[in-house]
């Protein structure tokens, strides 16, 4: 589900905001980084949850902790 959330975020938000090439460069993919997307000084952490769930699991504080501006994005999937 995590990969689906990241792909939806790319398609629905980052492609329009940064263009496809830059959006894809910002994606960490399978690299072992703490943030799913980083573009200049902005980061995004994407979580996907099943419908009916009301919380997400954060694996480590580093996923949300940063001196830079960032956002947690949550997709609810069926």
Protein backbone atom coordinates (compact mmCIF):
# COMPACT_ATOMS: atom_id res chain seq x y z
CA UNK A 1 0.00 0.00 0.00
CA UNK A 2 2.89 2.36 0.68
CA UNK A 3 4.10 2.24 -2.91
CA UNK A 4 0.57 2.91 -4.20
CA UNK A 5 0.32 5.97 -1.96
CA UNK A 6 3.65 7.29 -3.23
CA UNK A 7 2.64 6.78 -6.87
CA UNK A 8 -0.69 8.53 -6.29
CA UNK A 9 1.11 11.45 -4.65
CA UNK A 10 3.46 11.73 -7.62
CA UNK A 11 0.58 11.66 -10.11
CA UNK A 12 -1.90 13.83 -8.22
CA UNK A 13 0.40 16.46 -6.72
CA UNK A 14 4.10 16.47 -7.53
CA UNK A 15 3.87 16.12 -11.32
CA UNK A 16 1.78 19.29 -11.51
CA UNK A 17 3.81 21.19 -8.90
CA UNK A 18 7.37 20.39 -10.08
CA UNK A 19 7.03 18.69 -13.47
CA UNK A 20 7.48 14.99 -14.07
CA UNK A 21 11.28 14.98 -14.30
CA UNK A 22 11.90 16.95 -11.12
CA UNK A 23 9.16 15.09 -9.25
CA UNK A 24 10.73 11.74 -10.10
CA UNK A 25 14.17 13.00 -9.02
CA UNK A 26 12.71 14.00 -5.64
CA UNK A 27 11.44 10.45 -4.98
CA UNK A 28 13.71 8.34 -2.81
CA UNK A 29 12.10 5.11 -4.08
CA UNK A 30 13.74 2.05 -2.52
CA UNK A 31 16.67 3.98 -1.08
CA UNK A 32 16.87 3.76 2.70
CA UNK A 33 16.11 7.41 3.44
CA UNK A 34 13.82 8.79 6.12
CA UNK A 35 11.70 10.87 3.74
CA UNK A 36 9.80 9.58 0.69
CA UNK A 37 10.29 12.79 -1.32
CA UNK A 38 12.75 15.68 -0.97
CA UNK A 39 12.80 18.69 -3.28
CA UNK A 40 15.23 21.49 -2.45
CA UNK A 41 14.48 22.22 1.22
CA UNK A 42 10.99 20.68 1.31
CA UNK A 43 10.21 17.06 2.20
CA UNK A 44 7.12 14.87 2.02
CA UNK A 45 6.42 11.63 3.87
CA UNK A 46 3.57 9.62 2.35
CA UNK A 47 1.54 7.05 4.25
CA UNK A 48 -1.30 4.89 2.93
CA UNK A 49 -3.90 3.30 5.18
CA UNK A 50 -6.86 1.04 4.53
CA UNK A 51 -10.30 2.63 4.56
CA UNK A 52 -11.84 2.62 8.00
CA UNK A 53 -8.46 3.13 9.70
CA UNK A 54 -7.92 6.35 11.59
CA UNK A 55 -4.18 6.33 12.23
CA UNK A 56 -0.86 5.74 10.49
CA UNK A 57 2.30 4.08 11.77
CA UNK A 58 5.43 6.17 11.92
CA UNK A 59 8.47 3.87 11.87
CA UNK A 60 10.88 6.38 13.40
CA UNK A 61 10.98 10.01 14.51
CA UNK A 62 13.34 10.75 11.63
CA UNK A 63 10.44 10.28 9.22
CA UNK A 64 8.87 13.52 10.46
CA UNK A 65 11.74 15.31 12.17
CA UNK A 66 13.71 17.88 10.17
CA UNK A 67 14.95 21.43 10.29
CA UNK A 68 13.35 21.88 6.86
CA UNK A 69 9.69 22.42 6.06
CA UNK A 70 7.79 19.23 5.32
CA UNK A 71 4.44 17.52 5.18
CA UNK A 72 2.90 14.22 6.12
CA UNK A 73 0.55 13.06 3.36
CA UNK A 74 -2.02 10.35 4.15
CA UNK A 75 -3.97 8.41 1.52
CA UNK A 76 -6.93 6.28 2.55
CA UNK A 77 -7.20 3.31 0.16
CA UNK A 78 -9.90 0.69 -0.27
